[in-house]
Amino acid sequence: KKAREGKLPNFTGIDSTYEPPLNPEVIIRTAEMTPEEAAEHIIGILKTRGNI
C-alpha cells in the first residue's frame, strides 16, 4: 500500500522494474513442478552447499 502511495520509492514491481539476474545460482521452474517439489529442490541445493 505504501509503495503504491509513493511512500516507498524504487519498489520493485511498482515504480521500479524487475531485473532478472544474468547468472542465477538457482533456477526454479515453477510451471514444471509443484510447490512441494520446488521446496525440496531448494532444500537439496542448500544441503549440497552446506548452508543447512
Protein backbone atom coordinates (compact mmCIF):
# COMPACT_ATOMS: atom_id res chain seq x y z
CA LYS A 1 0.00 0.00 0.00
CA LYS A 2 2.77 2.44 0.93
CA ALA A 3 4.65 1.73 -2.31
CA ARG A 4 1.53 2.43 -4.36
CA GLU A 5 1.06 5.69 -2.47
CA GLY A 6 4.62 6.72 -3.36
CA LYS A 7 5.90 6.44 0.21
CA LEU A 8 8.40 3.68 -0.70
CA PRO A 9 10.39 4.78 -3.75
CA ASN A 10 12.07 2.31 -6.12
CA PHE A 11 9.83 -0.55 -5.05
CA THR A 12 10.23 -3.48 -7.46
CA GLY A 13 7.08 -4.07 -9.45
CA ILE A 14 5.54 -0.71 -8.58
CA ASP A 15 7.80 2.09 -9.79
CA SER A 16 10.95 0.08 -10.44
CA THR A 17 11.29 -2.76 -12.94
CA TYR A 18 12.35 -6.27 -12.02
CA GLU A 19 15.72 -7.12 -13.50
CA PRO A 20 16.35 -10.87 -13.55
CA PRO A 21 19.89 -11.95 -12.64
CA LEU A 22 22.26 -12.63 -15.53
CA ASN A 23 23.67 -15.76 -13.88
CA PRO A 24 21.18 -17.09 -11.31
CA GLU A 25 22.54 -19.54 -8.75
CA VAL A 26 19.25 -21.45 -8.65
CA ILE A 27 16.50 -21.82 -11.22
CA ILE A 28 13.08 -22.99 -10.08
CA ARG A 29 10.81 -23.97 -12.96
CA THR A 30 7.50 -23.29 -11.25
CA ALA A 31 5.46 -24.25 -14.31
CA GLU A 32 7.01 -27.71 -14.24
CA MET A 33 6.92 -28.60 -10.54
CA THR A 34 4.63 -28.40 -7.56
CA PRO A 35 5.40 -26.05 -4.68
CA GLU A 36 6.44 -29.09 -2.64
CA GLU A 37 8.86 -30.24 -5.37
CA ALA A 38 10.27 -26.72 -5.65
CA ALA A 39 10.82 -26.59 -1.88
CA GLU A 40 12.56 -29.99 -1.95
CA HIS A 41 14.74 -28.80 -4.82
CA ILE A 42 15.78 -25.67 -2.92
CA ILE A 43 16.45 -27.60 0.29
CA GLY A 44 18.54 -30.11 -1.66
CA ILE A 45 20.66 -27.31 -3.12
CA LEU A 46 21.12 -25.69 0.30
CA LYS A 47 22.17 -29.03 1.82
CA THR A 48 24.62 -29.71 -1.02
CA ARG A 49 26.21 -26.32 -0.46
CA GLY A 50 26.40 -26.83 3.29
CA ASN A 51 24.02 -23.99 4.06
CA ILE A 52 21.76 -26.25 6.11
